[in-house]
C-alpha cells in the first residue's frame, strides 16, 4: 500500500548507513533468508527422523467430525489411525481410505493403552471423541449424564493425550488438535454439564501449550459452533425429532468444514501454531442467538 510519508517516495539517506538504506535492506534480507533456511532445516530433520509417511491419530472416528477428519487427512497423504468403539464403522472407513482401525474406548485406560501400543509412531493427534448428554437445568441434573460428559470430554482427552505425547514429541514436529466447542467459551441454560466439561477440556489443552513450550509439538484448539452430526442425537438419547429441531431453519456447519480446518492446521510449517480457532455458521451469533428461517 502506498504511503504519503515523504521518506517512502524517494527518501532516506543517500548512503547505506541509515535505517532505510541498502545496507539495512540487505541485512533484513539476510535475516529472512536465515529464518527460512532454519525453518526448512527443522522440517527436513523432522521428515528425516520419521523416515515414513506422517501418522495422524483420530479419536471418535466412526462418524461425524472424526470420520471427516480421517478422510481428509488420508487424502493429504497421512497414514491415518482411526479409533472408536464401533469397530465395524472404523474398519469400513479405514478400508476405504487406506488407514488403520483399532478399537478405542477413551473411558477405559486398558483400551487406551492397547490402542497406543498399536498406533506406532504418531505425528498428529486429533482429540475429537466426546459429546453431550441431556439439557437439564442444574436443579434437575442427572449425575450419570454429568459423569459421562466428564469421562469422555475431559478424562478421555487426558488419557489419550498422555499416552501419545511422548511419541508426538519424538516425531520432531508433533501436533495436538483438540476439538472443543464454543461451549468452552461461554455458558447457556441447561448446558452446565456440557459447558463445564468443555471448559475443563479446553483448559487441559491450553495448559499443555505452556507446559510443552520449547518442545517440538504444537497445540491447536478448534471451537466449533453448530455442526450437524450425531451430536444432538446423542445428547437427546436417540430422539431424532428433537435432534432435528436443533437445526430447523438453520444452515449449520457440516463435519467436512471442521475437517478442512484440521487439515490446514496439520499442514502448516513446523514453526506455525494455530493456537485457537473459533468457527460458527453464519446463522449463529457469538452469544448463542440463532437465525431461523421458519
C-alpha atoms as a PDB file:
ATOM      1  CA  UNK A   1       0.000   0.000   0.000  1.00  0.00           C
ATOM      2  CA  UNK A   2       1.427   3.445  -0.951  1.00  0.00           C
ATOM      3  CA  UNK A   3       2.247   5.895   1.796  1.00  0.00           C
ATOM      4  CA  UNK A   4       2.110   9.709   1.846  1.00  0.00           C
ATOM      5  CA  UNK A   5       5.142   9.838   4.117  1.00  0.00           C
ATOM      6  CA  UNK A   6       7.938  11.653   2.193  1.00  0.00           C
ATOM      7  CA  UNK A   7      10.541   9.052   3.095  1.00  0.00           C
ATOM      8  CA  UNK A   8       8.538   6.363   1.310  1.00  0.00           C
ATOM      9  CA  UNK A   9       8.849   8.043  -2.068  1.00  0.00           C
ATOM     10  CA  UNK A  10      12.497   8.760  -2.703  1.00  0.00           C
ATOM     11  CA  UNK A  11      13.765   9.462   0.693  1.00  0.00           C
ATOM     12  CA  UNK A  12      16.178   8.076   3.123  1.00  0.00           C
ATOM     13  CA  UNK A  13      19.839   8.856   3.379  1.00  0.00           C
ATOM     14  CA  UNK A  14      22.000   8.632   0.284  1.00  0.00           C
ATOM     15  CA  UNK A  15      24.388   6.219   1.958  1.00  0.00           C
ATOM     16  CA  UNK A  16      23.569   2.701   3.081  1.00  0.00           C
ATOM     17  CA  UNK A  17      24.191   3.569   6.708  1.00  0.00           C
ATOM     18  CA  UNK A  18      20.700   4.853   7.524  1.00  0.00           C
ATOM     19  CA  UNK A  19      17.775   2.777   8.719  1.00  0.00           C
ATOM     20  CA  UNK A  20      16.172   2.771   5.278  1.00  0.00           C
ATOM     21  CA  UNK A  21      19.305   2.394   3.179  1.00  0.00           C
ATOM     22  CA  UNK A  22      20.526  -0.535   1.031  1.00  0.00           C
ATOM     23  CA  UNK A  23      22.675  -1.972   3.810  1.00  0.00           C
ATOM     24  CA  UNK A  24      19.672  -2.192   6.104  1.00  0.00           C
ATOM     25  CA  UNK A  25      17.634  -3.903   3.414  1.00  0.00           C
ATOM     26  CA  UNK A  26      20.453  -6.356   2.733  1.00  0.00           C
ATOM     27  CA  UNK A  27      20.719  -7.151   6.431  1.00  0.00           C
ATOM     28  CA  UNK A  28      16.962  -7.695   6.637  1.00  0.00           C
ATOM     29  CA  UNK A  29      17.079  -9.947   3.575  1.00  0.00           C
ATOM     30  CA  UNK A  30      19.866 -11.999   5.139  1.00  0.00           C
ATOM     31  CA  UNK A  31      17.803 -12.352   8.285  1.00  0.00           C
ATOM     32  CA  UNK A  32      14.755 -13.517   6.330  1.00  0.00           C
ATOM     33  CA  UNK A  33      16.876 -15.975   4.355  1.00  0.00           C
ATOM     34  CA  UNK A  34      18.407 -17.332   7.550  1.00  0.00           C
ATOM     35  CA  UNK A  35      14.975 -17.756   9.118  1.00  0.00           C
ATOM     36  CA  UNK A  36      13.682 -19.528   6.024  1.00  0.00           C
ATOM     37  CA  UNK A  37      16.699 -21.834   5.934  1.00  0.00           C
ATOM     38  CA  UNK A  38      16.247 -22.649   9.624  1.00  0.00           C
ATOM     39  CA  UNK A  39      12.587 -23.489   9.069  1.00  0.00           C
ATOM     40  CA  UNK A  40      13.496 -25.667   6.113  1.00  0.00           C
ATOM     41  CA  UNK A  41      16.194 -27.428   8.142  1.00  0.00           C
ATOM     42  CA  UNK A  42      13.763 -28.024  11.011  1.00  0.00           C
ATOM     43  CA  UNK A  43      11.267 -29.586   8.620  1.00  0.00           C
ATOM     44  CA  UNK A  44      13.935 -31.756   6.988  1.00  0.00           C
ATOM     45  CA  UNK A  45      15.068 -33.010  10.398  1.00  0.00           C
ATOM     46  CA  UNK A  46      11.507 -33.890  11.294  1.00  0.00           C
ATOM     47  CA  UNK A  47      10.982 -35.658   7.984  1.00  0.00           C
ATOM     48  CA  UNK A  48      14.292 -37.480   8.261  1.00  0.00           C
ATOM     49  CA  UNK A  49      13.589 -38.583  11.805  1.00  0.00           C
ATOM     50  CA  UNK A  50      10.320 -40.006  10.673  1.00  0.00           C
ATOM     51  CA  UNK A  51      11.590 -41.707   7.514  1.00  0.00           C
ATOM     52  CA  UNK A  52       7.953 -42.533   6.757  1.00  0.00           C
ATOM     53  CA  UNK A  53       4.570 -41.072   5.998  1.00  0.00           C
ATOM     54  CA  UNK A  54       3.358 -38.812   8.761  1.00  0.00           C
ATOM     55  CA  UNK A  55       0.856 -40.557  11.003  1.00  0.00           C
ATOM     56  CA  UNK A  56      -2.348 -38.958  12.267  1.00  0.00           C
ATOM     57  CA  UNK A  57      -4.470 -40.478  15.042  1.00  0.00           C
ATOM     58  CA  UNK A  58      -8.152 -39.522  15.108  1.00  0.00           C
ATOM     59  CA  UNK A  59     -10.396 -40.405  18.044  1.00  0.00           C
ATOM     60  CA  UNK A  60     -14.153 -40.700  17.687  1.00  0.00           C
ATOM     61  CA  UNK A  61     -13.505 -41.572  14.046  1.00  0.00           C
ATOM     62  CA  UNK A  62     -16.587 -43.706  13.406  1.00  0.00           C
ATOM     63  CA  UNK A  63     -18.809 -40.805  12.305  1.00  0.00           C
ATOM     64  CA  UNK A  64     -19.236 -37.049  12.115  1.00  0.00           C
ATOM     65  CA  UNK A  65     -16.212 -34.795  12.556  1.00  0.00           C
ATOM     66  CA  UNK A  66     -13.905 -37.705  13.361  1.00  0.00           C
ATOM     67  CA  UNK A  67     -14.770 -39.598  10.194  1.00  0.00           C
ATOM     68  CA  UNK A  68     -14.449 -36.433   8.101  1.00  0.00           C
ATOM     69  CA  UNK A  69     -11.026 -35.688   9.624  1.00  0.00           C
ATOM     70  CA  UNK A  70      -9.824 -39.224   8.927  1.00  0.00           C
ATOM     71  CA  UNK A  71     -10.888 -38.991   5.297  1.00  0.00           C
ATOM     72  CA  UNK A  72      -9.437 -35.505   4.791  1.00  0.00           C
ATOM     73  CA  UNK A  73      -6.090 -36.340   6.394  1.00  0.00           C
ATOM     74  CA  UNK A  74      -5.781 -39.525   4.360  1.00  0.00           C
ATOM     75  CA  UNK A  75      -6.445 -37.506   1.206  1.00  0.00           C
ATOM     76  CA  UNK A  76      -3.463 -35.342   2.171  1.00  0.00           C
ATOM     77  CA  UNK A  77      -1.187 -38.387   2.381  1.00  0.00           C
ATOM     78  CA  UNK A  78      -1.271 -39.081   6.117  1.00  0.00           C
ATOM     79  CA  UNK A  79      -1.202 -42.616   7.464  1.00  0.00           C
ATOM     80  CA  UNK A  80      -4.411 -42.380   9.488  1.00  0.00           C
ATOM     81  CA  UNK A  81      -5.126 -44.437  12.597  1.00  0.00           C
ATOM     82  CA  UNK A  82      -8.835 -44.436  13.414  1.00  0.00           C
ATOM     83  CA  UNK A  83     -10.043 -45.038  16.947  1.00  0.00           C
ATOM     84  CA  UNK A  84     -13.620 -45.591  18.157  1.00  0.00           C
ATOM     85  CA  UNK A  85     -15.781 -48.170  19.902  1.00  0.00           C
ATOM     86  CA  UNK A  86     -17.826 -49.001  16.791  1.00  0.00           C
ATOM     87  CA  UNK A  87     -15.251 -51.201  15.116  1.00  0.00           C
ATOM     88  CA  UNK A  88     -17.497 -52.126  12.192  1.00  0.00           C
ATOM     89  CA  UNK A  89     -17.671 -48.449  11.239  1.00  0.00           C
ATOM     90  CA  UNK A  90     -13.974 -47.651  11.565  1.00  0.00           C
ATOM     91  CA  UNK A  91     -12.959 -50.890   9.848  1.00  0.00           C
ATOM     92  CA  UNK A  92     -15.054 -49.931   6.822  1.00  0.00           C
ATOM     93  CA  UNK A  93     -13.747 -46.353   6.733  1.00  0.00           C
ATOM     94  CA  UNK A  94     -10.131 -47.495   7.138  1.00  0.00           C
ATOM     95  CA  UNK A  95     -10.549 -49.911   4.237  1.00  0.00           C
ATOM     96  CA  UNK A  96     -11.832 -47.078   2.037  1.00  0.00           C
ATOM     97  CA  UNK A  97      -9.057 -44.595   2.840  1.00  0.00           C
ATOM     98  CA  UNK A  98      -6.129 -46.963   3.295  1.00  0.00           C
ATOM     99  CA  UNK A  99      -5.895 -46.298   7.020  1.00  0.00           C
ATOM    100  CA  UNK A 100      -5.678 -48.462  10.124  1.00  0.00           C
ATOM    101  CA  UNK A 101      -8.501 -49.048  12.588  1.00  0.00           C
ATOM    102  CA  UNK A 102      -8.232 -50.076  16.227  1.00  0.00           C
ATOM    103  CA  UNK A 103     -10.947 -50.223  18.844  1.00  0.00           C
ATOM    104  CA  UNK A 104     -10.737 -47.382  21.329  1.00  0.00           C
ATOM    105  CA  UNK A 105     -12.832 -46.611  24.380  1.00  0.00           C
ATOM    106  CA  UNK A 106     -11.348 -43.418  25.795  1.00  0.00           C
ATOM    107  CA  UNK A 107     -13.074 -44.004  29.152  1.00  0.00           C
ATOM    108  CA  UNK A 108     -11.102 -47.249  29.657  1.00  0.00           C
ATOM    109  CA  UNK A 109      -7.372 -46.982  30.429  1.00  0.00           C
ATOM    110  CA  UNK A 110      -6.655 -50.531  29.254  1.00  0.00           C
ATOM    111  CA  UNK A 111      -8.302 -49.756  25.921  1.00  0.00           C
ATOM    112  CA  UNK A 112      -6.269 -46.558  25.570  1.00  0.00           C
ATOM    113  CA  UNK A 113      -3.036 -48.402  26.377  1.00  0.00           C
ATOM    114  CA  UNK A 114      -3.761 -51.114  23.800  1.00  0.00           C
ATOM    115  CA  UNK A 115      -4.656 -48.510  21.187  1.00  0.00           C
ATOM    116  CA  UNK A 116      -1.485 -46.528  21.831  1.00  0.00           C
ATOM    117  CA  UNK A 117       0.634 -49.670  21.529  1.00  0.00           C
ATOM    118  CA  UNK A 118      -0.933 -50.472  18.154  1.00  0.00           C
ATOM    119  CA  UNK A 119      -0.674 -46.933  16.780  1.00  0.00           C
ATOM    120  CA  UNK A 120       3.111 -46.837  16.456  1.00  0.00           C
ATOM    121  CA  UNK A 121       4.864 -43.500  15.856  1.00  0.00           C
ATOM    122  CA  UNK A 122       2.494 -40.516  15.875  1.00  0.00           C
ATOM    123  CA  UNK A 123       2.864 -37.039  14.376  1.00  0.00           C
ATOM    124  CA  UNK A 124      -0.668 -35.648  14.702  1.00  0.00           C
ATOM    125  CA  UNK A 125      -3.331 -36.380  17.315  1.00  0.00           C
ATOM    126  CA  UNK A 126      -6.900 -35.229  16.754  1.00  0.00           C
ATOM    127  CA  UNK A 127      -8.776 -35.372  20.063  1.00  0.00           C
ATOM    128  CA  UNK A 128     -12.300 -35.474  18.697  1.00  0.00           C
ATOM    129  CA  UNK A 129     -14.152 -38.029  20.834  1.00  0.00           C
ATOM    130  CA  UNK A 130     -16.625 -36.503  23.259  1.00  0.00           C
ATOM    131  CA  UNK A 131     -20.206 -35.330  23.383  1.00  0.00           C
ATOM    132  CA  UNK A 132     -23.152 -34.094  25.404  1.00  0.00           C
ATOM    133  CA  UNK A 133     -25.997 -35.788  27.220  1.00  0.00           C
ATOM    134  CA  UNK A 134     -29.187 -34.098  28.319  1.00  0.00           C
ATOM    135  CA  UNK A 135     -30.255 -30.480  28.580  1.00  0.00           C
ATOM    136  CA  UNK A 136     -31.498 -30.400  32.144  1.00  0.00           C
ATOM    137  CA  UNK A 137     -31.108 -27.368  34.411  1.00  0.00           C
ATOM    138  CA  UNK A 138     -28.750 -27.725  37.353  1.00  0.00           C
ATOM    139  CA  UNK A 139     -31.639 -28.238  39.762  1.00  0.00           C
ATOM    140  CA  UNK A 140     -32.628 -31.358  37.808  1.00  0.00           C
ATOM    141  CA  UNK A 141     -29.150 -32.544  36.825  1.00  0.00           C
ATOM    142  CA  UNK A 142     -28.643 -36.223  36.060  1.00  0.00           C
ATOM    143  CA  UNK A 143     -25.353 -37.141  37.724  1.00  0.00           C
ATOM    144  CA  UNK A 144     -24.818 -40.102  35.414  1.00  0.00           C
ATOM    145  CA  UNK A 145     -25.017 -37.772  32.412  1.00  0.00           C
ATOM    146  CA  UNK A 146     -22.517 -35.425  34.030  1.00  0.00           C
ATOM    147  CA  UNK A 147     -20.143 -38.292  34.785  1.00  0.00           C
ATOM    148  CA  UNK A 148     -20.331 -39.490  31.173  1.00  0.00           C
ATOM    149  CA  UNK A 149     -19.599 -35.996  29.822  1.00  0.00           C
ATOM    150  CA  UNK A 150     -16.613 -35.506  32.108  1.00  0.00           C
ATOM    151  CA  UNK A 151     -15.270 -39.018  31.451  1.00  0.00           C
ATOM    152  CA  UNK A 152     -15.409 -38.610  27.672  1.00  0.00           C
ATOM    153  CA  UNK A 153     -14.579 -34.953  27.119  1.00  0.00           C
ATOM    154  CA  UNK A 154     -12.063 -34.385  29.911  1.00  0.00           C
ATOM    155  CA  UNK A 155     -10.558 -37.606  31.218  1.00  0.00           C
ATOM    156  CA  UNK A 156     -10.770 -39.269  27.802  1.00  0.00           C
ATOM    157  CA  UNK A 157      -8.777 -36.433  26.242  1.00  0.00           C
ATOM    158  CA  UNK A 158      -6.303 -36.652  29.114  1.00  0.00           C
ATOM    159  CA  UNK A 159      -5.821 -40.423  28.773  1.00  0.00           C
ATOM    160  CA  UNK A 160      -5.218 -40.401  25.033  1.00  0.00           C
ATOM    161  CA  UNK A 161      -3.009 -37.308  25.009  1.00  0.00           C
ATOM    162  CA  UNK A 162      -0.892 -38.534  27.912  1.00  0.00           C
ATOM    163  CA  UNK A 163      -0.418 -41.921  26.237  1.00  0.00           C
ATOM    164  CA  UNK A 164       0.685 -40.459  22.899  1.00  0.00           C
ATOM    165  CA  UNK A 165       2.500 -37.295  23.963  1.00  0.00           C
ATOM    166  CA  UNK A 166       5.995 -38.857  24.145  1.00  0.00           C
ATOM    167  CA  UNK A 167       5.651 -40.068  20.550  1.00  0.00           C
ATOM    168  CA  UNK A 168       4.369 -36.707  19.375  1.00  0.00           C
ATOM    169  CA  UNK A 169       7.450 -35.057  20.874  1.00  0.00           C
ATOM    170  CA  UNK A 170       9.753 -37.749  19.453  1.00  0.00           C
ATOM    171  CA  UNK A 171       8.348 -37.095  15.967  1.00  0.00           C
ATOM    172  CA  UNK A 172      10.195 -33.795  15.921  1.00  0.00           C
ATOM    173  CA  UNK A 173       7.106 -31.962  14.697  1.00  0.00           C
ATOM    174  CA  UNK A 174       4.086 -33.104  16.687  1.00  0.00           C
ATOM    175  CA  UNK A 175       0.650 -31.532  16.663  1.00  0.00           C
ATOM    176  CA  UNK A 176      -2.232 -31.989  19.114  1.00  0.00           C
ATOM    177  CA  UNK A 177      -5.588 -30.818  17.768  1.00  0.00           C
ATOM    178  CA  UNK A 178      -8.375 -30.792  20.349  1.00  0.00           C
ATOM    179  CA  UNK A 179     -11.901 -30.241  19.120  1.00  0.00           C
ATOM    180  CA  UNK A 180     -13.631 -28.458  21.983  1.00  0.00           C
ATOM    181  CA  UNK A 181     -16.645 -26.217  21.310  1.00  0.00           C
ATOM    182  CA  UNK A 182     -17.942 -22.683  21.595  1.00  0.00           C
ATOM    183  CA  UNK A 183     -19.361 -24.190  24.794  1.00  0.00           C
ATOM    184  CA  UNK A 184     -15.779 -23.930  26.106  1.00  0.00           C
ATOM    185  CA  UNK A 185     -16.052 -20.160  25.801  1.00  0.00           C
ATOM    186  CA  UNK A 186     -19.452 -19.413  27.361  1.00  0.00           C
ATOM    187  CA  UNK A 187     -22.454 -20.960  29.129  1.00  0.00           C
ATOM    188  CA  UNK A 188     -26.135 -21.451  28.430  1.00  0.00           C
ATOM    189  CA  UNK A 189     -29.216 -22.540  30.340  1.00  0.00           C
ATOM    190  CA  UNK A 190     -29.492 -26.321  30.621  1.00  0.00           C
ATOM    191  CA  UNK A 191     -25.934 -26.826  29.447  1.00  0.00           C
ATOM    192  CA  UNK A 192     -23.932 -26.723  32.686  1.00  0.00           C
ATOM    193  CA  UNK A 193     -22.808 -30.341  32.449  1.00  0.00           C
ATOM    194  CA  UNK A 194     -21.550 -29.992  28.900  1.00  0.00           C
ATOM    195  CA  UNK A 195     -20.151 -26.461  29.139  1.00  0.00           C
ATOM    196  CA  UNK A 196     -18.280 -27.244  32.357  1.00  0.00           C
ATOM    197  CA  UNK A 197     -16.774 -30.365  30.751  1.00  0.00           C
ATOM    198  CA  UNK A 198     -15.794 -28.438  27.612  1.00  0.00           C
ATOM    199  CA  UNK A 199     -14.267 -25.634  29.681  1.00  0.00           C
ATOM    200  CA  UNK A 200     -12.221 -28.243  31.550  1.00  0.00           C
ATOM    201  CA  UNK A 201     -11.182 -29.982  28.332  1.00  0.00           C
ATOM    202  CA  UNK A 202     -10.124 -26.664  26.834  1.00  0.00           C
ATOM    203  CA  UNK A 203      -8.097 -25.704  29.897  1.00  0.00           C
ATOM    204  CA  UNK A 204      -6.383 -29.089  29.831  1.00  0.00           C
ATOM    205  CA  UNK A 205      -5.384 -28.413  26.233  1.00  0.00           C
ATOM    206  CA  UNK A 206      -4.366 -24.782  26.812  1.00  0.00           C
ATOM    207  CA  UNK A 207      -2.269 -25.704  29.858  1.00  0.00           C
ATOM    208  CA  UNK A 208      -0.182 -28.107  27.772  1.00  0.00           C
ATOM    209  CA  UNK A 209       0.568 -25.253  25.371  1.00  0.00           C
ATOM    210  CA  UNK A 210       2.600 -23.658  28.175  1.00  0.00           C
ATOM    211  CA  UNK A 211       3.938 -26.825  29.773  1.00  0.00           C
ATOM    212  CA  UNK A 212       5.388 -28.064  26.482  1.00  0.00           C
ATOM    213  CA  UNK A 213       6.760 -24.705  25.362  1.00  0.00           C
ATOM    214  CA  UNK A 214      10.158 -25.322  23.793  1.00  0.00           C
ATOM    215  CA  UNK A 215       9.314 -28.890  22.803  1.00  0.00           C
ATOM    216  CA  UNK A 216       8.722 -29.799  19.123  1.00  0.00           C
ATOM    217  CA  UNK A 217       4.962 -30.122  19.494  1.00  0.00           C
ATOM    218  CA  UNK A 218       2.187 -27.666  18.650  1.00  0.00           C
ATOM    219  CA  UNK A 219      -1.302 -27.311  20.087  1.00  0.00           C
ATOM    220  CA  UNK A 220      -4.390 -26.230  18.154  1.00  0.00           C
ATOM    221  CA  UNK A 221      -7.822 -25.880  19.739  1.00  0.00           C
ATOM    222  CA  UNK A 222     -10.824 -25.788  17.423  1.00  0.00           C
ATOM    223  CA  UNK A 223     -14.050 -24.427  18.903  1.00  0.00           C
ATOM    224  CA  UNK A 224     -16.985 -25.226  16.581  1.00  0.00           C
ATOM    225  CA  UNK A 225     -20.459 -23.811  16.898  1.00  0.00           C
ATOM    226  CA  UNK A 226     -23.458 -25.655  15.445  1.00  0.00           C
ATOM    227  CA  UNK A 227     -22.312 -28.659  13.398  1.00  0.00           C
ATOM    228  CA  UNK A 228     -24.917 -31.080  12.106  1.00  0.00           C
ATOM    229  CA  UNK A 229     -23.667 -34.546  13.100  1.00  0.00           C
ATOM    230  CA  UNK A 230     -24.852 -37.214  15.535  1.00  0.00           C
ATOM    231  CA  UNK A 231     -24.114 -34.776  18.375  1.00  0.00           C
ATOM    232  CA  UNK A 232     -27.732 -33.798  19.074  1.00  0.00           C
ATOM    233  CA  UNK A 233     -28.964 -37.360  18.570  1.00  0.00           C
ATOM    234  CA  UNK A 234     -26.584 -38.473  21.338  1.00  0.00           C
ATOM    235  CA  UNK A 235     -27.492 -35.512  23.536  1.00  0.00           C
ATOM    236  CA  UNK A 236     -31.197 -36.347  23.307  1.00  0.00           C
ATOM    237  CA  UNK A 237     -30.597 -40.100  23.679  1.00  0.00           C
ATOM    238  CA  UNK A 238     -31.865 -41.141  20.260  1.00  0.00           C
ATOM    239  CA  UNK A 239     -34.819 -38.741  19.977  1.00  0.00           C
ATOM    240  CA  UNK A 240     -34.445 -37.959  16.245  1.00  0.00           C
ATOM    241  CA  UNK A 241     -37.254 -35.415  16.116  1.00  0.00           C
ATOM    242  CA  UNK A 242     -35.814 -33.386  18.951  1.00  0.00           C
ATOM    243  CA  UNK A 243     -32.348 -33.607  17.413  1.00  0.00           C
ATOM    244  CA  UNK A 244     -33.594 -32.446  14.014  1.00  0.00           C
ATOM    245  CA  UNK A 245     -35.312 -29.441  15.592  1.00  0.00           C
ATOM    246  CA  UNK A 246     -31.921 -28.121  16.739  1.00  0.00           C
ATOM    247  CA  UNK A 247     -31.027 -27.355  13.114  1.00  0.00           C
ATOM    248  CA  UNK A 248     -34.505 -26.412  11.841  1.00  0.00           C
ATOM    249  CA  UNK A 249     -34.403 -23.320   9.642  1.00  0.00           C
ATOM    250  CA  UNK A 250     -30.634 -23.001  10.003  1.00  0.00           C
ATOM    251  CA  UNK A 251     -27.740 -23.757   7.675  1.00  0.00           C
ATOM    252  CA  UNK A 252     -25.309 -25.320  10.161  1.00  0.00           C
ATOM    253  CA  UNK A 253     -21.704 -26.263   9.682  1.00  0.00           C
ATOM    254  CA  UNK A 254     -21.026 -29.803   8.498  1.00  0.00           C
ATOM    255  CA  UNK A 255     -18.309 -32.192   9.593  1.00  0.00           C
ATOM    256  CA  UNK A 256     -16.224 -31.514   6.488  1.00  0.00           C
ATOM    257  CA  UNK A 257     -15.986 -27.826   7.428  1.00  0.00           C
ATOM    258  CA  UNK A 258     -14.150 -28.752  10.617  1.00  0.00           C
ATOM    259  CA  UNK A 259     -12.030 -31.363   8.838  1.00  0.00           C
ATOM    260  CA  UNK A 260     -10.840 -28.680   6.404  1.00  0.00           C
ATOM    261  CA  UNK A 261      -9.570 -26.643   9.348  1.00  0.00           C
ATOM    262  CA  UNK A 262      -7.840 -29.656  10.913  1.00  0.00           C
ATOM    263  CA  UNK A 263      -6.024 -30.397   7.660  1.00  0.00           C
ATOM    264  CA  UNK A 264      -4.996 -26.752   7.309  1.00  0.00           C
ATOM    265  CA  UNK A 265      -3.523 -26.759  10.825  1.00  0.00           C
ATOM    266  CA  UNK A 266      -1.761 -30.081  10.242  1.00  0.00           C
ATOM    267  CA  UNK A 267      -0.107 -28.907   7.038  1.00  0.00           C
ATOM    268  CA  UNK A 268       1.347 -25.601   8.290  1.00  0.00           C
ATOM    269  CA  UNK A 269       5.138 -25.257   8.612  1.00  0.00           C
ATOM    270  CA  UNK A 270       6.518 -26.518  11.907  1.00  0.00           C
ATOM    271  CA  UNK A 271       7.072 -23.001  13.314  1.00  0.00           C
ATOM    272  CA  UNK A 272       3.395 -22.049  12.839  1.00  0.00           C
ATOM    273  CA  UNK A 273       0.963 -22.835  15.661  1.00  0.00           C
ATOM    274  CA  UNK A 274      -2.688 -22.031  15.005  1.00  0.00           C
ATOM    275  CA  UNK A 275      -3.464 -21.645  18.669  1.00  0.00           C
ATOM    276  CA  UNK A 276      -7.259 -21.328  18.856  1.00  0.00           C
ATOM    277  CA  UNK A 277      -9.816 -21.287  16.060  1.00  0.00           C
ATOM    278  CA  UNK A 278     -13.469 -20.382  16.669  1.00  0.00           C
ATOM    279  CA  UNK A 279     -15.847 -21.283  13.843  1.00  0.00           C
ATOM    280  CA  UNK A 280     -19.616 -20.845  13.685  1.00  0.00           C
ATOM    281  CA  UNK A 281     -22.190 -20.966  10.919  1.00  0.00           C
ATOM    282  CA  UNK A 282     -23.255 -17.579   9.580  1.00  0.00           C
ATOM    283  CA  UNK A 283     -26.671 -18.158  11.200  1.00  0.00           C
ATOM    284  CA  UNK A 284     -25.211 -18.329  14.723  1.00  0.00           C
ATOM    285  CA  UNK A 285     -24.079 -15.284  16.698  1.00  0.00           C
ATOM    286  CA  UNK A 286     -21.389 -15.313  19.355  1.00  0.00           C
ATOM    287  CA  UNK A 287     -23.896 -15.144  22.212  1.00  0.00           C
ATOM    288  CA  UNK A 288     -25.749 -18.257  21.069  1.00  0.00           C
ATOM    289  CA  UNK A 289     -28.518 -16.482  19.179  1.00  0.00           C
ATOM    290  CA  UNK A 290     -29.563 -18.312  16.022  1.00  0.00           C
ATOM    291  CA  UNK A 291     -31.254 -17.005  12.894  1.00  0.00           C
ATOM    292  CA  UNK A 292     -34.006 -19.452  11.896  1.00  0.00           C
ATOM    293  CA  UNK A 293     -35.693 -19.038   8.536  1.00  0.00           C
ATOM    294  CA  UNK A 294     -39.017 -20.583   9.535  1.00  0.00           C
END
